[in-house]
Amino acid sequence: MTEHEMGAVGFAAGMHIMEPGGMNQMHVHEKQQEAMYFYSGRGIARVGDEEFEIVPESFLLAPAGVPHQICNIGDEPLKFVWIYCPPLPEHYSQETYHQGASEQVK
């Protein structure tokens, strides 16, 4: 849900499914905070120097400027909703963001 797609102003939201063993790359959003709601699966979140367990019905906030990473450590897909505030630039691609999600947790 973006301004371009649906007229959302001030935020962008969407959903992602990360396959078992998948992870995204450690990354940072300089101007956007990212909130995530996990509704299925198990994982580990790294936010700055901290590590958090991800279980169904958990929330996570990655503040602007703080590196973060999500890893699926379970045997089922990790499903979550993400919200960026303010939204990412229009040229930003979720496909690019999640390209590392096919990498396997080591």
C-alpha atoms as a PDB file:
ATOM      1  CA  MET A   1       0.000   0.000   0.000  1.00  0.00           C
ATOM      2  CA  THR A   2       1.778   3.103  -1.242  1.00  0.00           C
ATOM      3  CA  GLU A   3       0.780   6.609  -2.227  1.00  0.00           C
ATOM      4  CA  HIS A   4       1.259   5.679  -5.868  1.00  0.00           C
ATOM      5  CA  GLU A   5      -0.821   2.475  -5.626  1.00  0.00           C
ATOM      6  CA  MET A   6      -3.610   3.440  -3.217  1.00  0.00           C
ATOM      7  CA  GLY A   7      -3.205   7.054  -2.162  1.00  0.00           C
ATOM      8  CA  ALA A   8      -1.581   6.314   1.219  1.00  0.00           C
ATOM      9  CA  VAL A   9       0.126   9.447   2.553  1.00  0.00           C
ATOM     10  CA  GLY A  10       2.862   9.434   5.203  1.00  0.00           C
ATOM     11  CA  PHE A  11       3.441   5.664   5.279  1.00  0.00           C
ATOM     12  CA  ALA A  12       3.705   2.543   3.125  1.00  0.00           C
ATOM     13  CA  ALA A  13       2.592  -0.955   4.134  1.00  0.00           C
ATOM     14  CA  GLY A  14       2.734  -4.439   2.706  1.00  0.00           C
ATOM     15  CA  MET A  15       3.228  -8.104   3.452  1.00  0.00           C
ATOM     16  CA  HIS A  16       6.148 -10.482   3.005  1.00  0.00           C
ATOM     17  CA  ILE A  17       6.629 -14.236   3.193  1.00  0.00           C
ATOM     18  CA  MET A  18      10.158 -15.464   3.925  1.00  0.00           C
ATOM     19  CA  GLU A  19      10.766 -19.144   3.226  1.00  0.00           C
ATOM     20  CA  PRO A  20      12.347 -21.464   5.836  1.00  0.00           C
ATOM     21  CA  GLY A  21      16.060 -20.786   6.184  1.00  0.00           C
ATOM     22  CA  GLY A  22      15.726 -17.450   4.380  1.00  0.00           C
ATOM     23  CA  MET A  23      17.069 -14.112   5.536  1.00  0.00           C
ATOM     24  CA  ASN A  24      17.457 -10.603   4.227  1.00  0.00           C
ATOM     25  CA  GLN A  25      20.714  -8.701   4.315  1.00  0.00           C
ATOM     26  CA  MET A  26      21.588  -6.457   7.240  1.00  0.00           C
ATOM     27  CA  HIS A  27      20.433  -3.054   6.008  1.00  0.00           C
ATOM     28  CA  VAL A  28      19.433   0.406   7.180  1.00  0.00           C
ATOM     29  CA  HIS A  29      16.798   2.976   6.228  1.00  0.00           C
ATOM     30  CA  GLU A  30      18.275   6.403   6.956  1.00  0.00           C
ATOM     31  CA  LYS A  31      14.957   8.284   7.106  1.00  0.00           C
ATOM     32  CA  GLN A  32      12.307   5.591   7.628  1.00  0.00           C
ATOM     33  CA  GLN A  33      11.351   3.668  10.720  1.00  0.00           C
ATOM     34  CA  GLU A  34      10.055   0.179   9.951  1.00  0.00           C
ATOM     35  CA  ALA A  35       7.450  -1.581  12.070  1.00  0.00           C
ATOM     36  CA  MET A  36       6.769  -5.284  11.522  1.00  0.00           C
ATOM     37  CA  TYR A  37       3.993  -7.564  12.765  1.00  0.00           C
ATOM     38  CA  PHE A  38       4.797 -11.280  12.530  1.00  0.00           C
ATOM     39  CA  TYR A  39       1.741 -13.523  12.313  1.00  0.00           C
ATOM     40  CA  SER A  40       3.193 -16.905  11.376  1.00  0.00           C
ATOM     41  CA  GLY A  41       6.529 -18.695  11.681  1.00  0.00           C
ATOM     42  CA  ARG A  42       9.626 -18.304  13.852  1.00  0.00           C
ATOM     43  CA  GLY A  43      12.708 -16.217  13.394  1.00  0.00           C
ATOM     44  CA  ILE A  44      15.440 -14.025  14.767  1.00  0.00           C
ATOM     45  CA  ALA A  45      15.597 -10.258  14.314  1.00  0.00           C
ATOM     46  CA  ARG A  46      18.801  -8.299  14.648  1.00  0.00           C
ATOM     47  CA  VAL A  47      18.299  -4.597  15.353  1.00  0.00           C
ATOM     48  CA  GLY A  48      21.496  -2.688  15.994  1.00  0.00           C
ATOM     49  CA  ASP A  49      23.485  -4.691  18.543  1.00  0.00           C
ATOM     50  CA  GLU A  50      20.422  -6.517  19.892  1.00  0.00           C
ATOM     51  CA  GLU A  51      18.829  -9.815  18.886  1.00  0.00           C
ATOM     52  CA  PHE A  52      15.142 -10.662  19.355  1.00  0.00           C
ATOM     53  CA  GLU A  53      13.157 -13.870  19.017  1.00  0.00           C
ATOM     54  CA  ILE A  54      10.314 -13.703  16.501  1.00  0.00           C
ATOM     55  CA  VAL A  55       7.179 -15.718  17.283  1.00  0.00           C
ATOM     56  CA  PRO A  56       3.607 -15.408  15.976  1.00  0.00           C
ATOM     57  CA  GLU A  57       1.818 -12.265  17.156  1.00  0.00           C
ATOM     58  CA  SER A  58       5.028 -10.344  17.871  1.00  0.00           C
ATOM     59  CA  PHE A  59       5.898  -6.787  16.841  1.00  0.00           C
ATOM     60  CA  LEU A  60       9.286  -5.295  16.008  1.00  0.00           C
ATOM     61  CA  LEU A  61      10.424  -1.722  15.414  1.00  0.00           C
ATOM     62  CA  ALA A  62      13.588  -0.861  13.500  1.00  0.00           C
ATOM     63  CA  PRO A  63      14.233   2.851  14.137  1.00  0.00           C
ATOM     64  CA  ALA A  64      15.471   5.054  11.301  1.00  0.00           C
ATOM     65  CA  GLY A  65      19.233   4.831  10.895  1.00  0.00           C
ATOM     66  CA  VAL A  66      19.584   1.520  12.780  1.00  0.00           C
ATOM     67  CA  PRO A  67      20.822  -1.571  10.880  1.00  0.00           C
ATOM     68  CA  HIS A  68      18.452  -4.543  11.017  1.00  0.00           C
ATOM     69  CA  GLN A  69      17.967  -8.047   9.626  1.00  0.00           C
ATOM     70  CA  ILE A  70      15.300 -10.769   9.715  1.00  0.00           C
ATOM     71  CA  CYS A  71      16.158 -14.497   9.609  1.00  0.00           C
ATOM     72  CA  ASN A  72      13.665 -17.371   9.345  1.00  0.00           C
ATOM     73  CA  ILE A  73      14.955 -20.099  11.676  1.00  0.00           C
ATOM     74  CA  GLY A  74      11.779 -22.178  11.568  1.00  0.00           C
ATOM     75  CA  ASP A  75      10.582 -24.955   9.297  1.00  0.00           C
ATOM     76  CA  GLU A  76       7.611 -23.005   7.931  1.00  0.00           C
ATOM     77  CA  PRO A  77       7.321 -19.666   6.123  1.00  0.00           C
ATOM     78  CA  LEU A  78       7.795 -16.539   8.247  1.00  0.00           C
ATOM     79  CA  LYS A  79       4.879 -14.238   7.402  1.00  0.00           C
ATOM     80  CA  PHE A  80       4.769 -10.588   8.365  1.00  0.00           C
ATOM     81  CA  VAL A  81       3.294  -7.175   7.672  1.00  0.00           C
ATOM     82  CA  TRP A  82       5.696  -4.227   7.320  1.00  0.00           C
ATOM     83  CA  ILE A  83       5.003  -0.516   7.663  1.00  0.00           C
ATOM     84  CA  TYR A  84       7.417   2.273   6.719  1.00  0.00           C
ATOM     85  CA  CYS A  85       6.956   5.784   8.061  1.00  0.00           C
ATOM     86  CA  PRO A  86       7.642   7.960   6.177  1.00  0.00           C
ATOM     87  CA  PRO A  87       7.263   5.804   3.061  1.00  0.00           C
ATOM     88  CA  LEU A  88      10.265   4.705   1.045  1.00  0.00           C
ATOM     89  CA  PRO A  89      11.014   6.611  -2.170  1.00  0.00           C
ATOM     90  CA  GLU A  90       8.862   5.635  -5.161  1.00  0.00           C
ATOM     91  CA  HIS A  91      11.878   4.131  -6.982  1.00  0.00           C
ATOM     92  CA  TYR A  92      12.452   1.726  -4.083  1.00  0.00           C
ATOM     93  CA  SER A  93      11.666  -1.888  -4.879  1.00  0.00           C
ATOM     94  CA  GLN A  94      10.511  -4.539  -2.416  1.00  0.00           C
ATOM     95  CA  GLU A  95      11.990  -7.071  -4.828  1.00  0.00           C
ATOM     96  CA  THR A  96      15.417  -5.464  -4.381  1.00  0.00           C
ATOM     97  CA  TYR A  97      14.969  -5.261  -0.609  1.00  0.00           C
ATOM     98  CA  HIS A  98      14.101  -8.931  -0.296  1.00  0.00           C
ATOM     99  CA  GLN A  99      16.625 -10.218  -2.837  1.00  0.00           C
ATOM    100  CA  GLY A 100      18.705 -11.472   0.091  1.00  0.00           C
ATOM    101  CA  ALA A 101      15.714 -13.357   1.496  1.00  0.00           C
ATOM    102  CA  SER A 102      16.618 -16.327  -0.672  1.00  0.00           C
ATOM    103  CA  GLU A 103      19.980 -16.606   1.082  1.00  0.00           C
ATOM    104  CA  GLN A 104      20.080 -19.391   3.637  1.00  0.00           C
ATOM    105  CA  VAL A 105      20.630 -18.880   7.338  1.00  0.00           C
ATOM    106  CA  LYS A 106      24.068 -20.181   8.196  1.00  0.00           C
END
